[in-house]
Amino acid sequence: MKEVGICSAKVHVEMDYYLKGSVADNTVKNGVTEIRSFFDVESEQQEEDLIEVIRLAKKGCFAENLVKTGVPLKSVCTLNGPKVNID
């Protein structure tokens, strides 16, 4: 484990998304064109040590990996108990 003193750490995430079409007309579509994360770290430690910790944190982040790799999504829908096919 890395021993690095951090006084404050914050992450702000922004996302550009769109929603178009109509649910009523069965034409609804959505998507995300970009996600940005901003790391704000305050510490008296050496910059290279802090950069290493931030890199390790990003490697261990499930959310970042999900976005980067496009993990397949499996959906199961039940209606009043039994499974139904919605595809």
C-alpha atoms as a PDB file:
ATOM      1  CA  MET A   1       0.000   0.000   0.000  1.00  0.00           C
ATOM      2  CA  LYS A   2       1.170   3.510  -0.796  1.00  0.00           C
ATOM      3  CA  GLU A   3       1.651   5.850   2.186  1.00  0.00           C
ATOM      4  CA  VAL A   4       0.910   9.355   0.898  1.00  0.00           C
ATOM      5  CA  GLY A   5      -0.561  12.171   2.974  1.00  0.00           C
ATOM      6  CA  ILE A   6      -3.463  13.972   1.318  1.00  0.00           C
ATOM      7  CA  CYS A   7      -5.126  16.993   2.940  1.00  0.00           C
ATOM      8  CA  SER A   8      -8.074  17.149   0.567  1.00  0.00           C
ATOM      9  CA  ALA A   9      -9.234  15.238  -2.503  1.00  0.00           C
ATOM     10  CA  LYS A  10     -12.282  15.962  -4.658  1.00  0.00           C
ATOM     11  CA  VAL A  11     -13.523  14.629  -7.969  1.00  0.00           C
ATOM     12  CA  HIS A  12     -16.024  16.416 -10.197  1.00  0.00           C
ATOM     13  CA  VAL A  13     -17.513  14.543 -13.145  1.00  0.00           C
ATOM     14  CA  GLU A  14     -19.242  16.114 -16.146  1.00  0.00           C
ATOM     15  CA  MET A  15     -21.092  14.382 -18.949  1.00  0.00           C
ATOM     16  CA  ASP A  16     -22.360  15.538 -22.336  1.00  0.00           C
ATOM     17  CA  TYR A  17     -25.506  13.622 -23.181  1.00  0.00           C
ATOM     18  CA  TYR A  18     -28.421  13.881 -25.547  1.00  0.00           C
ATOM     19  CA  LEU A  19     -32.005  12.700 -25.529  1.00  0.00           C
ATOM     20  CA  LYS A  20     -34.042  12.933 -28.698  1.00  0.00           C
ATOM     21  CA  GLY A  21     -37.182  11.562 -30.208  1.00  0.00           C
ATOM     22  CA  SER A  22     -40.397  10.691 -28.410  1.00  0.00           C
ATOM     23  CA  VAL A  23     -41.423   7.935 -26.039  1.00  0.00           C
ATOM     24  CA  ALA A  24     -45.009   8.343 -27.257  1.00  0.00           C
ATOM     25  CA  ASP A  25     -43.917   7.863 -30.905  1.00  0.00           C
ATOM     26  CA  ASN A  26     -41.465   5.015 -30.041  1.00  0.00           C
ATOM     27  CA  THR A  27     -38.541   7.047 -31.461  1.00  0.00           C
ATOM     28  CA  VAL A  28     -36.694   7.898 -28.224  1.00  0.00           C
ATOM     29  CA  LYS A  29     -32.883   7.675 -28.383  1.00  0.00           C
ATOM     30  CA  ASN A  30     -30.148   8.798 -26.028  1.00  0.00           C
ATOM     31  CA  GLY A  31     -26.400   8.750 -25.767  1.00  0.00           C
ATOM     32  CA  VAL A  32     -23.326  10.225 -24.169  1.00  0.00           C
ATOM     33  CA  THR A  33     -20.707  11.977 -26.289  1.00  0.00           C
ATOM     34  CA  GLU A  34     -18.074  12.635 -23.614  1.00  0.00           C
ATOM     35  CA  ILE A  35     -17.379  12.236 -19.907  1.00  0.00           C
ATOM     36  CA  ARG A  36     -14.807  14.383 -18.122  1.00  0.00           C
ATOM     37  CA  SER A  37     -13.425  13.907 -14.612  1.00  0.00           C
ATOM     38  CA  PHE A  38     -11.585  16.636 -12.714  1.00  0.00           C
ATOM     39  CA  PHE A  39      -9.348  15.689  -9.775  1.00  0.00           C
ATOM     40  CA  ASP A  40      -8.566  18.387  -7.195  1.00  0.00           C
ATOM     41  CA  VAL A  41      -5.932  17.202  -4.711  1.00  0.00           C
ATOM     42  CA  GLU A  42      -4.227  19.186  -1.971  1.00  0.00           C
ATOM     43  CA  SER A  43      -1.129  17.740  -0.338  1.00  0.00           C
ATOM     44  CA  GLU A  44       2.370  18.610   0.775  1.00  0.00           C
ATOM     45  CA  GLN A  45       3.743  15.372  -0.715  1.00  0.00           C
ATOM     46  CA  GLN A  46       5.990  15.193  -3.769  1.00  0.00           C
ATOM     47  CA  GLU A  47       4.134  15.724  -7.046  1.00  0.00           C
ATOM     48  CA  GLU A  48       5.401  12.457  -8.564  1.00  0.00           C
ATOM     49  CA  ASP A  49       4.080  10.485  -5.540  1.00  0.00           C
ATOM     50  CA  LEU A  50       0.669  12.130  -5.835  1.00  0.00           C
ATOM     51  CA  ILE A  51       0.483  11.492  -9.579  1.00  0.00           C
ATOM     52  CA  GLU A  52       1.266   7.824  -8.939  1.00  0.00           C
ATOM     53  CA  VAL A  53      -1.535   7.577  -6.351  1.00  0.00           C
ATOM     54  CA  ILE A  54      -4.017   9.264  -8.709  1.00  0.00           C
ATOM     55  CA  ARG A  55      -3.020   6.893 -11.531  1.00  0.00           C
ATOM     56  CA  LEU A  56      -3.506   3.898  -9.222  1.00  0.00           C
ATOM     57  CA  ALA A  57      -6.904   5.224  -8.106  1.00  0.00           C
ATOM     58  CA  LYS A  58      -7.987   5.617 -11.738  1.00  0.00           C
ATOM     59  CA  LYS A  59      -6.850   2.053 -12.499  1.00  0.00           C
ATOM     60  CA  GLY A  60      -8.969   0.770  -9.620  1.00  0.00           C
ATOM     61  CA  CYS A  61     -12.058   2.797 -10.532  1.00  0.00           C
ATOM     62  CA  PHE A  62     -14.941   0.590 -11.641  1.00  0.00           C
ATOM     63  CA  ALA A  63     -16.823   3.535 -13.189  1.00  0.00           C
ATOM     64  CA  GLU A  64     -13.900   4.621 -15.399  1.00  0.00           C
ATOM     65  CA  ASN A  65     -13.270   1.047 -16.525  1.00  0.00           C
ATOM     66  CA  LEU A  66     -16.959   0.541 -17.319  1.00  0.00           C
ATOM     67  CA  VAL A  67     -16.964   3.599 -19.587  1.00  0.00           C
ATOM     68  CA  LYS A  68     -13.625   2.813 -21.245  1.00  0.00           C
ATOM     69  CA  THR A  69     -14.323  -0.839 -22.036  1.00  0.00           C
ATOM     70  CA  GLY A  70     -18.032  -0.789 -22.897  1.00  0.00           C
ATOM     71  CA  VAL A  71     -19.046  -3.700 -20.653  1.00  0.00           C
ATOM     72  CA  PRO A  72     -21.941  -5.773 -22.012  1.00  0.00           C
ATOM     73  CA  LEU A  73     -25.239  -5.237 -20.209  1.00  0.00           C
ATOM     74  CA  LYS A  74     -27.646  -8.093 -19.504  1.00  0.00           C
ATOM     75  CA  SER A  75     -31.203  -7.159 -18.551  1.00  0.00           C
ATOM     76  CA  VAL A  76     -33.761  -9.490 -17.047  1.00  0.00           C
ATOM     77  CA  CYS A  77     -37.359  -8.304 -16.878  1.00  0.00           C
ATOM     78  CA  THR A  78     -40.129  -9.971 -14.932  1.00  0.00           C
ATOM     79  CA  LEU A  79     -43.782  -9.086 -15.273  1.00  0.00           C
ATOM     80  CA  ASN A  80     -46.008 -10.191 -12.406  1.00  0.00           C
ATOM     81  CA  GLY A  81     -43.478 -12.904 -11.586  1.00  0.00           C
ATOM     82  CA  PRO A  82     -42.461 -14.678 -14.847  1.00  0.00           C
ATOM     83  CA  LYS A  83     -39.594 -13.454 -17.017  1.00  0.00           C
ATOM     84  CA  VAL A  84     -40.587 -11.672 -20.228  1.00  0.00           C
ATOM     85  CA  ASN A  85     -38.574 -10.918 -23.351  1.00  0.00           C
ATOM     86  CA  ILE A  86     -38.384  -7.161 -24.014  1.00  0.00           C
ATOM     87  CA  ASP A  87     -35.912  -7.216 -26.924  1.00  0.00           C
END
